[in-house]
Protein backbone atom coordinates (compact mmCIF):
# COMPACT_ATOMS: atom_id res chain seq x y z
CA MET A 1 0.00 0.00 0.00
CA ASP A 2 1.26 3.48 -0.94
CA ALA A 3 1.62 5.40 2.35
CA ALA A 4 1.41 8.81 0.66
CA LEU A 5 -1.85 7.90 -1.07
CA TYR A 6 -3.36 6.22 2.01
CA PRO A 7 -1.84 8.08 4.98
CA GLN A 8 -4.63 7.57 7.50
CA ALA A 9 -2.91 4.63 9.23
CA MET A 10 0.21 6.75 9.71
CA ALA A 11 -1.87 9.64 11.10
CA GLU A 12 -3.61 7.28 13.53
CA ALA A 13 -0.24 5.86 14.64
CA VAL A 14 1.07 9.39 15.32
CA VAL A 15 -1.83 10.06 17.68
CA ALA A 16 -1.79 6.60 19.29
CA ASN A 17 1.93 6.85 20.05
CA GLY A 18 1.96 10.48 21.15
CA ALA A 19 4.39 11.39 18.38
CA HIS A 20 4.98 14.98 17.33
CA LEU A 21 5.00 14.23 13.61
CA GLY A 22 4.53 11.46 11.07
CA ILE A 23 5.86 11.39 7.51
CA ALA A 24 4.47 9.22 4.73
CA LEU A 25 6.27 8.77 1.41
CA ASP A 26 5.21 6.88 -1.67
CA GLY A 27 7.33 4.09 -3.16
CA ASP A 28 9.81 6.32 -4.97
CA ALA A 29 9.60 9.15 -2.41
CA ASP A 30 8.31 11.80 -4.79
CA LYS A 31 5.09 12.29 -2.81
CA LEU A 32 5.04 13.36 0.82
CA ILE A 33 2.28 13.78 3.38
CA ILE A 34 2.82 14.79 6.99
CA ALA A 35 0.55 14.23 9.98
CA ASP A 36 0.82 16.57 12.96
CA GLU A 37 0.49 15.49 16.60
CA LYS A 38 -3.32 15.62 16.30
CA GLY A 39 -3.34 13.39 13.21
CA THR A 40 -4.16 16.28 10.88
CA LEU A 41 -2.81 15.57 7.40
CA VAL A 42 -0.72 18.18 5.59
CA ASP A 43 -0.11 17.57 1.87
CA GLY A 44 2.78 18.61 -0.34
CA ASP A 45 1.09 21.77 -1.64
CA GLN A 46 0.43 22.94 1.91
CA ILE A 47 4.05 22.25 2.79
CA LEU A 48 5.29 24.20 -0.27
CA ALA A 49 3.00 27.11 0.57
CA THR A 50 4.17 27.18 4.20
CA LEU A 51 7.85 27.01 3.28
CA ALA A 52 7.54 29.59 0.49
CA THR A 53 5.66 31.99 2.76
CA ALA A 54 8.26 31.69 5.53
CA MET A 55 11.21 31.95 3.15
CA LYS A 56 9.69 35.01 1.41
CA ALA A 57 9.25 36.69 4.81
CA GLU A 58 12.88 35.89 5.74
CA GLY A 59 14.23 37.05 2.37
CA THR A 60 15.71 33.61 1.61
CA LEU A 61 13.46 32.59 -1.31
CA GLU A 62 15.75 33.07 -4.28
CA GLY A 63 13.92 34.32 -7.36
CA ASP A 64 10.61 34.62 -5.50
CA GLY A 65 9.31 31.44 -7.12
CA VAL A 66 8.36 27.84 -6.35
CA VAL A 67 8.83 24.69 -8.42
CA GLY A 68 6.23 21.93 -8.22
CA THR A 69 4.95 19.15 -10.44
CA VAL A 70 1.93 19.19 -12.75
CA MET A 71 0.18 17.41 -9.89
CA SER A 72 0.50 20.56 -7.77
CA ASN A 73 -2.91 22.07 -7.16
CA ARG A 74 -3.56 25.28 -9.10
CA GLY A 75 -4.79 26.73 -5.81
CA LEU A 76 -1.15 26.70 -4.69
CA GLY A 77 -0.26 29.12 -7.49
CA THR A 78 -3.27 31.28 -6.72
CA TYR A 79 -2.40 31.44 -3.03
CA LEU A 80 1.26 32.21 -3.65
CA GLY A 81 0.52 34.74 -6.39
CA ASN A 82 -2.24 36.61 -4.60
CA GLY A 83 -1.57 36.03 -0.93
CA VAL A 84 2.22 36.09 -0.79
CA ASP A 85 3.05 38.06 -3.97
CA LEU A 86 5.30 35.41 -5.51
CA ALA A 87 5.89 34.54 -9.14
CA PRO A 88 3.66 31.85 -10.68
CA VAL A 89 4.45 28.27 -9.73
CA THR A 90 6.76 26.60 -12.25
CA ARG A 91 5.19 23.20 -12.91
CA TRP A 92 7.28 20.29 -14.20
CA ARG A 93 5.78 17.06 -15.48
CA SER A 94 8.52 15.26 -13.63
CA LEU A 95 11.36 16.35 -11.42
CA HIS A 96 13.48 13.65 -13.04
CA PRO A 97 16.40 15.31 -14.90
CA ARG A 98 15.69 13.41 -18.14
CA ASN A 99 12.24 14.96 -18.42
CA ASN A 100 12.48 18.63 -19.30
CA ALA A 101 8.81 19.31 -20.04
CA GLN A 102 7.61 22.42 -18.25
CA ASP A 103 4.35 24.32 -17.75
CA ARG A 104 3.64 27.59 -15.96
CA ASP A 105 0.53 28.51 -14.00
């Protein structure tokens, strides 16, 4: 079973064991979902938005942009563009170096 696609068991284990955090990856580790101490799931787009917002505020986000995959939710680009004043999300079909196909929001 793909932990990143079915993370509920991981979230339940975080709560049951009193852990601070749980991390679920898929088989090739290109998808990530986190569960907080309450078992609340946080997906990759939420993580990107949180990191980009913090880095923008600290002045450490080089180029004021974010790179995601075509699976990134378009809401991520809307949030970052309107709420944080960042450049559109650069969306790659794959982050694998042999695939150079690119889209922009």
